[in-house]
Amino acid sequence: IMRKRGESRQTIIDKRLDQLLREAEGLGWTPPHGTPG
């Protein structure tokens, strides 16, 4: 898993960046209130 993550490092970072920016813009997927992520 660590090897695969290392190979996919930039893709993982890019996707997480996109996710965080979408959430900051109010475009993220939010779970129902009181539900853990």
PDB file of all heavy atoms in Angstrom:
ATOM      1  N   ILE A   1       0.841  -1.199   0.000  1.00  0.00           N
ATOM      2  CA  ILE A   1       0.000   0.000   0.000  1.00  0.00           C
ATOM      3  C   ILE A   1       0.879   1.253   0.000  1.00  0.00           C
ATOM      4  O   ILE A   1       0.616   2.203  -0.738  1.00  0.00           O
ATOM      5  CB  ILE A   1      -0.970  -0.006   1.203  1.00  0.00           C
ATOM      6  CG1 ILE A   1      -2.040  -1.081   1.002  1.00  0.00           C
ATOM      7  CG2 ILE A   1      -1.605   1.369   1.408  1.00  0.00           C
ATOM      8  CD1 ILE A   1      -2.903  -1.342   2.214  1.00  0.00           C
ATOM      9  N   MET A   2       1.928   1.240   0.819  1.00  0.00           N
ATOM     10  CA  MET A   2       2.821   2.398   0.875  1.00  0.00           C
ATOM     11  C   MET A   2       3.521   2.604  -0.477  1.00  0.00           C
ATOM     12  O   MET A   2       3.677   3.741  -0.923  1.00  0.00           O
ATOM     13  CB  MET A   2       3.861   2.228   1.990  1.00  0.00           C
ATOM     14  CG  MET A   2       3.272   2.273   3.395  1.00  0.00           C
ATOM     15  SD  MET A   2       2.476   3.844   3.773  1.00  0.00           S
ATOM     16  CE  MET A   2       3.889   4.929   3.746  1.00  0.00           C
ATOM     17  N   ARG A   3       3.914   1.528  -1.122  1.00  0.00           N
ATOM     18  CA  ARG A   3       4.555   1.624  -2.439  1.00  0.00           C
ATOM     19  C   ARG A   3       3.577   2.234  -3.446  1.00  0.00           C
ATOM     20  O   ARG A   3       3.914   3.171  -4.179  1.00  0.00           O
ATOM     21  CB  ARG A   3       5.011   0.242  -2.915  1.00  0.00           C
ATOM     22  CG  ARG A   3       5.688   0.257  -4.291  1.00  0.00           C
ATOM     23  CD  ARG A   3       5.978  -1.133  -4.812  1.00  0.00           C
ATOM     24  NE  ARG A   3       4.841  -2.057  -4.753  1.00  0.00           N
ATOM     25  CZ  ARG A   3       3.806  -2.050  -5.597  1.00  0.00           C
ATOM     26  NH1 ARG A   3       3.748  -1.164  -6.563  1.00  0.00           N
ATOM     27  NH2 ARG A   3       2.836  -2.929  -5.464  1.00  0.00           N
ATOM     28  N   LYS A   4       2.339   1.725  -3.445  1.00  0.00           N
ATOM     29  CA  LYS A   4       1.324   2.249  -4.372  1.00  0.00           C
ATOM     30  C   LYS A   4       1.035   3.726  -4.096  1.00  0.00           C
ATOM     31  O   LYS A   4       0.869   4.516  -5.025  1.00  0.00           O
ATOM     32  CB  LYS A   4       0.036   1.434  -4.258  1.00  0.00           C
ATOM     33  CG  LYS A   4       0.136   0.050  -4.859  1.00  0.00           C
ATOM     34  CD  LYS A   4      -1.145  -0.724  -4.640  1.00  0.00           C
ATOM     35  CE  LYS A   4      -1.020  -2.166  -5.109  1.00  0.00           C
ATOM     36  NZ  LYS A   4      -2.222  -2.951  -4.785  1.00  0.00           N
ATOM     37  N   ARG A   5       0.964   4.080  -2.816  1.00  0.00           N
ATOM     38  CA  ARG A   5       0.722   5.479  -2.460  1.00  0.00           C
ATOM     39  C   ARG A   5       1.887   6.352  -2.934  1.00  0.00           C
ATOM     40  O   ARG A   5       1.679   7.461  -3.411  1.00  0.00           O
ATOM     41  CB  ARG A   5       0.509   5.640  -0.957  1.00  0.00           C
ATOM     42  CG  ARG A   5      -0.851   5.143  -0.479  1.00  0.00           C
ATOM     43  CD  ARG A   5      -1.049   5.379   1.021  1.00  0.00           C
ATOM     44  NE  ARG A   5      -0.923   6.769   1.396  1.00  0.00           N
ATOM     45  CZ  ARG A   5      -1.870   7.696   1.260  1.00  0.00           C
ATOM     46  NH1 ARG A   5      -3.034   7.358   0.741  1.00  0.00           N
ATOM     47  NH2 ARG A   5      -1.662   8.936   1.625  1.00  0.00           N
ATOM     48  N   GLY A   6       3.103   5.830  -2.777  1.00  0.00           N
ATOM     49  CA  GLY A   6       4.272   6.584  -3.240  1.00  0.00           C
ATOM     50  C   GLY A   6       4.228   6.801  -4.739  1.00  0.00           C
ATOM     51  O   GLY A   6       4.539   7.896  -5.231  1.00  0.00           O
ATOM     52  N   GLU A   7       3.832   5.766  -5.469  1.00  0.00           N
ATOM     53  CA  GLU A   7       3.725   5.858  -6.926  1.00  0.00           C
ATOM     54  C   GLU A   7       2.610   6.825  -7.342  1.00  0.00           C
ATOM     55  O   GLU A   7       2.682   7.435  -8.412  1.00  0.00           O
ATOM     56  CB  GLU A   7       3.467   4.474  -7.538  1.00  0.00           C
ATOM     57  CG  GLU A   7       4.646   3.531  -7.415  1.00  0.00           C
ATOM     58  CD  GLU A   7       4.305   2.093  -7.788  1.00  0.00           C
ATOM     59  OE1 GLU A   7       3.128   1.793  -8.097  1.00  0.00           O
ATOM     60  OE2 GLU A   7       5.224   1.247  -7.733  1.00  0.00           O
ATOM     61  N   SER A   8       1.596   6.947  -6.511  1.00  0.00           N
ATOM     62  CA  SER A   8       0.438   7.798  -6.830  1.00  0.00           C
ATOM     63  C   SER A   8       0.465   9.100  -6.042  1.00  0.00           C
ATOM     64  O   SER A   8      -0.564   9.780  -5.925  1.00  0.00           O
ATOM     65  CB  SER A   8      -0.858   7.041  -6.514  1.00  0.00           C
ATOM     66  OG  SER A   8      -0.936   5.864  -7.261  1.00  0.00           O
ATOM     67  N   ARG A   9       1.610   9.459  -5.520  1.00  0.00           N
ATOM     68  CA  ARG A   9       1.740  10.614  -4.635  1.00  0.00           C
ATOM     69  C   ARG A   9       1.080  11.872  -5.213  1.00  0.00           C
ATOM     70  O   ARG A   9       0.234  12.489  -4.578  1.00  0.00           O
ATOM     71  CB  ARG A   9       3.218  10.875  -4.355  1.00  0.00           C
ATOM     72  CG  ARG A   9       3.485  12.066  -3.470  1.00  0.00           C
ATOM     73  CD  ARG A   9       5.007  12.239  -3.282  1.00  0.00           C
ATOM     74  NE  ARG A   9       5.293  13.285  -2.342  1.00  0.00           N
ATOM     75  CZ  ARG A   9       5.417  14.579  -2.681  1.00  0.00           C
ATOM     76  NH1 ARG A   9       5.281  14.953  -3.944  1.00  0.00           N
ATOM     77  NH2 ARG A   9       5.684  15.483  -1.764  1.00  0.00           N
ATOM     78  N   GLN A  10       1.485  12.258  -6.408  1.00  0.00           N
ATOM     79  CA  GLN A  10       0.984  13.510  -6.966  1.00  0.00           C
ATOM     80  C   GLN A  10      -0.515  13.456  -7.230  1.00  0.00           C
ATOM     81  O   GLN A  10      -1.237  14.418  -6.983  1.00  0.00           O
ATOM     82  CB  GLN A  10       1.739  13.889  -8.250  1.00  0.00           C
ATOM     83  CG  GLN A  10       1.526  15.344  -8.657  1.00  0.00           C
ATOM     84  CD  GLN A  10       1.933  16.320  -7.550  1.00  0.00           C
ATOM     85  OE1 GLN A  10       3.032  16.235  -7.007  1.00  0.00           O
ATOM     86  NE2 GLN A  10       1.033  17.236  -7.207  1.00  0.00           N
ATOM     87  N   THR A  11      -1.022  12.321  -7.688  1.00  0.00           N
ATOM     88  CA  THR A  11      -2.457  12.171  -7.929  1.00  0.00           C
ATOM     89  C   THR A  11      -3.227  12.316  -6.618  1.00  0.00           C
ATOM     90  O   THR A  11      -4.261  12.998  -6.566  1.00  0.00           O
ATOM     91  CB  THR A  11      -2.750  10.802  -8.560  1.00  0.00           C
ATOM     92  OG1 THR A  11      -2.023  10.697  -9.782  1.00  0.00           O
ATOM     93  CG2 THR A  11      -4.231  10.610  -8.812  1.00  0.00           C
ATOM     94  N   ILE A  12      -2.730  11.688  -5.555  1.00  0.00           N
ATOM     95  CA  ILE A  12      -3.397  11.775  -4.245  1.00  0.00           C
ATOM     96  C   ILE A  12      -3.413  13.219  -3.760  1.00  0.00           C
ATOM     97  O   ILE A  12      -4.450  13.728  -3.299  1.00  0.00           O
ATOM     98  CB  ILE A  12      -2.693  10.855  -3.228  1.00  0.00           C
ATOM     99  CG1 ILE A  12      -2.891   9.381  -3.622  1.00  0.00           C
ATOM    100  CG2 ILE A  12      -3.205  11.115  -1.817  1.00  0.00           C
ATOM    101  CD1 ILE A  12      -2.023   8.404  -2.846  1.00  0.00           C
ATOM    102  N   ILE A  13      -2.280  13.902  -3.885  1.00  0.00           N
ATOM    103  CA  ILE A  13      -2.200  15.303  -3.443  1.00  0.00           C
ATOM    104  C   ILE A  13      -3.137  16.176  -4.263  1.00  0.00           C
ATOM    105  O   ILE A  13      -3.883  17.002  -3.714  1.00  0.00           O
ATOM    106  CB  ILE A  13      -0.737  15.808  -3.533  1.00  0.00           C
ATOM    107  CG1 ILE A  13       0.118  15.082  -2.487  1.00  0.00           C
ATOM    108  CG2 ILE A  13      -0.667  17.323  -3.343  1.00  0.00           C
ATOM    109  CD1 ILE A  13       1.614  15.291  -2.656  1.00  0.00           C
ATOM    110  N   ASP A  14      -3.123  15.999  -5.582  1.00  0.00           N
ATOM    111  CA  ASP A  14      -3.990  16.808  -6.456  1.00  0.00           C
ATOM    112  C   ASP A  14      -5.463  16.601  -6.133  1.00  0.00           C
ATOM    113  O   ASP A  14      -6.243  17.557  -6.075  1.00  0.00           O
ATOM    114  CB  ASP A  14      -3.723  16.480  -7.924  1.00  0.00           C
ATOM    115  CG  ASP A  14      -2.360  16.965  -8.409  1.00  0.00           C
ATOM    116  OD1 ASP A  14      -1.731  17.801  -7.721  1.00  0.00           O
ATOM    117  OD2 ASP A  14      -1.917  16.485  -9.478  1.00  0.00           O
ATOM    118  N   LYS A  15      -5.852  15.357  -5.917  1.00  0.00           N
ATOM    119  CA  LYS A  15      -7.264  15.070  -5.612  1.00  0.00           C
ATOM    120  C   LYS A  15      -7.661  15.649  -4.258  1.00  0.00           C
ATOM    121  O   LYS A  15      -8.767  16.181  -4.097  1.00  0.00           O
ATOM    122  CB  LYS A  15      -7.531  13.568  -5.661  1.00  0.00           C
ATOM    123  CG  LYS A  15      -7.569  13.046  -7.083  1.00  0.00           C
ATOM    124  CD  LYS A  15      -7.982  11.602  -7.142  1.00  0.00           C
ATOM    125  CE  LYS A  15      -8.078  11.168  -8.607  1.00  0.00           C
ATOM    126  NZ  LYS A  15      -8.661   9.856  -8.753  1.00  0.00           N
ATOM    127  N   ARG A  16      -6.760  15.557  -3.281  1.00  0.00           N
ATOM    128  CA  ARG A  16      -7.061  16.113  -1.960  1.00  0.00           C
ATOM    129  C   ARG A  16      -7.141  17.643  -2.039  1.00  0.00           C
ATOM    130  O   ARG A  16      -8.025  18.253  -1.428  1.00  0.00           O
ATOM    131  CB  ARG A  16      -6.005  15.673  -0.943  1.00  0.00           C
ATOM    132  CG  ARG A  16      -6.229  16.190   0.454  1.00  0.00           C
ATOM    133  CD  ARG A  16      -7.516  15.662   1.066  1.00  0.00           C
ATOM    134  NE  ARG A  16      -7.601  16.085   2.462  1.00  0.00           N
ATOM    135  CZ  ARG A  16      -8.733  16.332   3.098  1.00  0.00           C
ATOM    136  NH1 ARG A  16      -9.892  16.120   2.492  1.00  0.00           N
ATOM    137  NH2 ARG A  16      -8.721  16.725   4.340  1.00  0.00           N
ATOM    138  N   LEU A  17      -6.245  18.248  -2.789  1.00  0.00           N
ATOM    139  CA  LEU A  17      -6.284  19.699  -2.978  1.00  0.00           C
ATOM    140  C   LEU A  17      -7.618  20.107  -3.600  1.00  0.00           C
ATOM    141  O   LEU A  17      -8.285  21.035  -3.129  1.00  0.00           O
ATOM    142  CB  LEU A  17      -5.110  20.153  -3.863  1.00  0.00           C
ATOM    143  CG  LEU A  17      -5.087  21.618  -4.258  1.00  0.00           C
ATOM    144  CD1 LEU A  17      -4.944  22.515  -3.027  1.00  0.00           C
ATOM    145  CD2 LEU A  17      -3.967  21.877  -5.251  1.00  0.00           C
ATOM    146  N   ASP A  18      -8.021  19.399  -4.650  1.00  0.00           N
ATOM    147  CA  ASP A  18      -9.298  19.680  -5.312  1.00  0.00           C
ATOM    148  C   ASP A  18     -10.459  19.535  -4.332  1.00  0.00           C
ATOM    149  O   ASP A  18     -11.354  20.378  -4.288  1.00  0.00           O
ATOM    150  CB  ASP A  18      -9.472  18.743  -6.511  1.00  0.00           C
ATOM    151  CG  ASP A  18     -10.716  19.051  -7.301  1.00  0.00           C
ATOM    152  OD1 ASP A  18     -10.897  20.227  -7.706  1.00  0.00           O
ATOM    153  OD2 ASP A  18     -11.529  18.112  -7.508  1.00  0.00           O
ATOM    154  N   GLN A  19     -10.425  18.462  -3.534  1.00  0.00           N
ATOM    155  CA  GLN A  19     -11.491  18.227  -2.555  1.00  0.00           C
ATOM    156  C   GLN A  19     -11.559  19.372  -1.546  1.00  0.00           C
ATOM    157  O   GLN A  19     -12.649  19.882  -1.253  1.00  0.00           O
ATOM    158  CB  GLN A  19     -11.237  16.901  -1.837  1.00  0.00           C
ATOM    159  CG  GLN A  19     -12.268  16.581  -0.783  1.00  0.00           C
ATOM    160  CD  GLN A  19     -11.895  15.357   0.042  1.00  0.00           C
ATOM    161  OE1 GLN A  19     -10.733  14.983   0.139  1.00  0.00           O
ATOM    162  NE2 GLN A  19     -12.903  14.741   0.635  1.00  0.00           N
ATOM    163  N   LEU A  20     -10.422  19.784  -1.007  1.00  0.00           N
ATOM    164  CA  LEU A  20     -10.401  20.852  -0.004  1.00  0.00           C
ATOM    165  C   LEU A  20     -10.876  22.180  -0.589  1.00  0.00           C
ATOM    166  O   LEU A  20     -11.639  22.926   0.049  1.00  0.00           O
ATOM    167  CB  LEU A  20      -8.999  20.998   0.586  1.00  0.00           C
ATOM    168  CG  LEU A  20      -8.527  19.845   1.458  1.00  0.00           C
ATOM    169  CD1 LEU A  20      -7.055  20.016   1.814  1.00  0.00           C
ATOM    170  CD2 LEU A  20      -9.374  19.714   2.714  1.00  0.00           C
ATOM    171  N   LEU A  21     -10.450  22.471  -1.803  1.00  0.00           N
ATOM    172  CA  LEU A  21     -10.871  23.727  -2.439  1.00  0.00           C
ATOM    173  C   LEU A  21     -12.366  23.719  -2.747  1.00  0.00           C
ATOM    174  O   LEU A  21     -13.048  24.738  -2.568  1.00  0.00           O
ATOM    175  CB  LEU A  21     -10.048  23.986  -3.704  1.00  0.00           C
ATOM    176  CG  LEU A  21      -8.545  24.215  -3.466  1.00  0.00           C
ATOM    177  CD1 LEU A  21      -7.815  24.409  -4.791  1.00  0.00           C
ATOM    178  CD2 LEU A  21      -8.306  25.375  -2.514  1.00  0.00           C
ATOM    179  N   ARG A  22     -12.891  22.575  -3.184  1.00  0.00           N
ATOM    180  CA  ARG A  22     -14.342  22.475  -3.432  1.00  0.00           C
ATOM    181  C   ARG A  22     -15.115  22.671  -2.129  1.00  0.00           C
ATOM    182  O   ARG A  22     -16.132  23.369  -2.106  1.00  0.00           O
ATOM    183  CB  ARG A  22     -14.691  21.121  -4.038  1.00  0.00           C
ATOM    184  CG  ARG A  22     -14.346  21.001  -5.494  1.00  0.00           C
ATOM    185  CD  ARG A  22     -14.699  19.588  -5.976  1.00  0.00           C
ATOM    186  NE  ARG A  22     -14.402  19.434  -7.364  1.00  0.00           N
ATOM    187  CZ  ARG A  22     -15.257  19.668  -8.358  1.00  0.00           C
ATOM    188  NH1 ARG A  22     -16.485  20.050  -8.084  1.00  0.00           N
ATOM    189  NH2 ARG A  22     -14.900  19.521  -9.601  1.00  0.00           N
ATOM    190  N   GLU A  23     -14.627  22.055  -1.045  1.00  0.00           N
ATOM    191  CA  GLU A  23     -15.298  22.226   0.249  1.00  0.00           C
ATOM    192  C   GLU A  23     -15.252  23.685   0.689  1.00  0.00           C
ATOM    193  O   GLU A  23     -16.236  24.214   1.222  1.00  0.00           O
ATOM    194  CB  GLU A  23     -14.658  21.310   1.296  1.00  0.00           C
ATOM    195  CG  GLU A  23     -15.003  19.850   1.091  1.00  0.00           C
ATOM    196  CD  GLU A  23     -14.261  18.914   2.049  1.00  0.00           C
ATOM    197  OE1 GLU A  23     -13.532  19.396   2.938  1.00  0.00           O
ATOM    198  OE2 GLU A  23     -14.422  17.690   1.892  1.00  0.00           O
ATOM    199  N   ALA A  24     -14.104  24.336   0.460  1.00  0.00           N
ATOM    200  CA  ALA A  24     -13.971  25.748   0.833  1.00  0.00           C
ATOM    201  C   ALA A  24     -14.942  26.628   0.043  1.00  0.00           C
ATOM    202  O   ALA A  24     -15.411  27.657   0.544  1.00  0.00           O
ATOM    203  CB  ALA A  24     -12.530  26.216   0.606  1.00  0.00           C
ATOM    204  N   GLU A  25     -15.255  26.208  -1.168  1.00  0.00           N
ATOM    205  CA  GLU A  25     -16.189  26.964  -2.016  1.00  0.00           C
ATOM    206  C   GLU A  25     -17.636  26.529  -1.789  1.00  0.00           C
ATOM    207  O   GLU A  25     -18.546  27.008  -2.457  1.00  0.00           O
ATOM    208  CB  GLU A  25     -15.811  26.768  -3.489  1.00  0.00           C
ATOM    209  CG  GLU A  25     -14.464  27.375  -3.838  1.00  0.00           C
ATOM    210  CD  GLU A  25     -14.005  27.017  -5.234  1.00  0.00           C
ATOM    211  OE1 GLU A  25     -14.703  26.262  -5.947  1.00  0.00           O
ATOM    212  OE2 GLU A  25     -12.918  27.482  -5.619  1.00  0.00           O
ATOM    213  N   GLY A  26     -17.844  25.603  -0.856  1.00  0.00           N
ATOM    214  CA  GLY A  26     -19.199  25.140  -0.571  1.00  0.00           C
ATOM    215  C   GLY A  26     -19.695  24.107  -1.559  1.00  0.00           C
ATOM    216  O   GLY A  26     -20.892  23.846  -1.636  1.00  0.00           O
ATOM    217  N   LEU A  27     -18.792  23.521  -2.326  1.00  0.00           N
ATOM    218  CA  LEU A  27     -19.197  22.559  -3.349  1.00  0.00           C
ATOM    219  C   LEU A  27     -18.859  21.121  -2.970  1.00  0.00           C
ATOM    220  O   LEU A  27     -18.947  20.217  -3.794  1.00  0.00           O
ATOM    221  CB  LEU A  27     -18.512  22.907  -4.688  1.00  0.00           C
ATOM    222  CG  LEU A  27     -18.808  24.297  -5.220  1.00  0.00           C
ATOM    223  CD1 LEU A  27     -17.958  24.573  -6.453  1.00  0.00           C
ATOM    224  CD2 LEU A  27     -20.287  24.434  -5.536  1.00  0.00           C
ATOM    225  N   GLY A  28     -18.476  20.910  -1.723  1.00  0.00           N
ATOM    226  CA  GLY A  28     -18.101  19.557  -1.289  1.00  0.00           C
ATOM    227  C   GLY A  28     -19.309  18.717  -0.923  1.00  0.00           C
ATOM    228  O   GLY A  28     -20.445  19.188  -0.873  1.00  0.00           O
ATOM    229  N   TRP A  29     -19.053  17.471  -0.694  1.00  0.00           N
ATOM    230  CA  TRP A  29     -20.093  16.531  -0.284  1.00  0.00           C
ATOM    231  C   TRP A  29     -20.066  16.476   1.233  1.00  0.00           C
ATOM    232  O   TRP A  29     -19.095  16.049   1.822  1.00  0.00           O
ATOM    233  CB  TRP A  29     -19.790  15.148  -0.863  1.00  0.00           C
ATOM    234  CG  TRP A  29     -20.885  14.164  -0.617  1.00  0.00           C
ATOM    235  CD1 TRP A  29     -21.135  13.489   0.538  1.00  0.00           C
ATOM    236  CD2 TRP A  29     -21.880  13.738  -1.538  1.00  0.00           C
ATOM    237  NE1 TRP A  29     -22.214  12.676   0.405  1.00  0.00           N
ATOM    238  CE2 TRP A  29     -22.689  12.802  -0.877  1.00  0.00           C
ATOM    239  CE3 TRP A  29     -22.162  14.056  -2.863  1.00  0.00           C
ATOM    240  CZ2 TRP A  29     -23.769  12.174  -1.491  1.00  0.00           C
ATOM    241  CZ3 TRP A  29     -23.225  13.425  -3.459  1.00  0.00           C
ATOM    242  CH2 TRP A  29     -24.029  12.506  -2.789  1.00  0.00           C
ATOM    243  N   THR A  30     -21.129  16.923   1.852  1.00  0.00           N
ATOM    244  CA  THR A  30     -21.144  16.927   3.310  1.00  0.00           C
ATOM    245  C   THR A  30     -22.090  15.858   3.818  1.00  0.00           C
ATOM    246  O   THR A  30     -23.199  15.700   3.324  1.00  0.00           O
ATOM    247  CB  THR A  30     -21.587  18.299   3.852  1.00  0.00           C
ATOM    248  OG1 THR A  30     -22.814  18.652   3.238  1.00  0.00           O
ATOM    249  CG2 THR A  30     -20.552  19.364   3.584  1.00  0.00           C
ATOM    250  N   PRO A  31     -21.650  15.095   4.832  1.00  0.00           N
ATOM    251  CA  PRO A  31     -22.525  14.076   5.408  1.00  0.00           C
ATOM    252  C   PRO A  31     -23.654  14.738   6.202  1.00  0.00           C
ATOM    253  O   PRO A  31     -23.538  15.908   6.576  1.00  0.00           O
ATOM    254  CB  PRO A  31     -21.591  13.287   6.325  1.00  0.00           C
ATOM    255  CG  PRO A  31     -20.490  14.229   6.664  1.00  0.00           C
ATOM    256  CD  PRO A  31     -20.352  15.159   5.484  1.00  0.00           C
ATOM    257  N   PRO A  32     -24.722  14.014   6.457  1.00  0.00           N
ATOM    258  CA  PRO A  32     -25.804  14.578   7.280  1.00  0.00           C
ATOM    259  C   PRO A  32     -25.253  15.043   8.623  1.00  0.00           C
ATOM    260  O   PRO A  32     -24.291  14.496   9.137  1.00  0.00           O
ATOM    261  CB  PRO A  32     -26.761  13.399   7.468  1.00  0.00           C
ATOM    262  CG  PRO A  32     -26.438  12.444   6.359  1.00  0.00           C
ATOM    263  CD  PRO A  32     -24.998  12.657   6.033  1.00  0.00           C
ATOM    264  N   HIS A  33     -25.861  16.062   9.186  1.00  0.00           N
ATOM    265  CA  HIS A  33     -25.412  16.635  10.452  1.00  0.00           C
ATOM    266  C   HIS A  33     -25.305  15.565  11.540  1.00  0.00           C
ATOM    267  O   HIS A  33     -26.210  14.763  11.715  1.00  0.00           O
ATOM    268  CB  HIS A  33     -26.386  17.740  10.902  1.00  0.00           C
ATOM    269  CG  HIS A  33     -25.938  18.436  12.142  1.00  0.00           C
ATOM    270  ND1 HIS A  33     -24.823  19.252  12.156  1.00  0.00           N
ATOM    271  CD2 HIS A  33     -26.419  18.408  13.399  1.00  0.00           C
ATOM    272  CE1 HIS A  33     -24.649  19.703  13.390  1.00  0.00           C
ATOM    273  NE2 HIS A  33     -25.616  19.210  14.153  1.00  0.00           N
ATOM    274  N   GLY A  34     -24.191  15.565  12.247  1.00  0.00           N
ATOM    275  CA  GLY A  34     -23.995  14.618  13.348  1.00  0.00           C
ATOM    276  C   GLY A  34     -23.421  13.278  12.916  1.00  0.00           C
ATOM    277  O   GLY A  34     -23.171  12.410  13.737  1.00  0.00           O
ATOM    278  N   THR A  35     -23.222  13.105  11.611  1.00  0.00           N
ATOM    279  CA  THR A  35     -22.673  11.854  11.109  1.00  0.00           C
ATOM    280  C   THR A  35     -21.178  12.034  10.898  1.00  0.00           C
ATOM    281  O   THR A  35     -20.769  12.982  10.238  1.00  0.00           O
ATOM    282  CB  THR A  35     -23.328  11.470   9.760  1.00  0.00           C
ATOM    283  OG1 THR A  35     -24.729  11.429   9.940  1.00  0.00           O
ATOM    284  CG2 THR A  35     -22.824  10.124   9.272  1.00  0.00           C
ATOM    285  N   PRO A  36     -20.365  11.124  11.455  1.00  0.00           N
ATOM    286  CA  PRO A  36     -18.930  11.264  11.229  1.00  0.00           C
ATOM    287  C   PRO A  36     -18.593  11.042   9.760  1.00  0.00           C
ATOM    288  O   PRO A  36     -19.311  10.347   9.044  1.00  0.00           O
ATOM    289  CB  PRO A  36     -18.304  10.167  12.105  1.00  0.00           C
ATOM    290  CG  PRO A  36     -19.399   9.203  12.374  1.00  0.00           C
ATOM    291  CD  PRO A  36     -20.697   9.970  12.258  1.00  0.00           C
ATOM    292  N   GLY A  37     -17.489  11.638   9.314  1.00  0.00           N
ATOM    293  CA  GLY A  37     -17.055  11.493   7.933  1.00  0.00           C
ATOM    294  C   GLY A  37     -16.569  10.080   7.662  1.00  0.00           C
ATOM    295  O   GLY A  37     -16.575   9.221   8.544  1.00  0.00           O
TER     296      GLY A  37
END
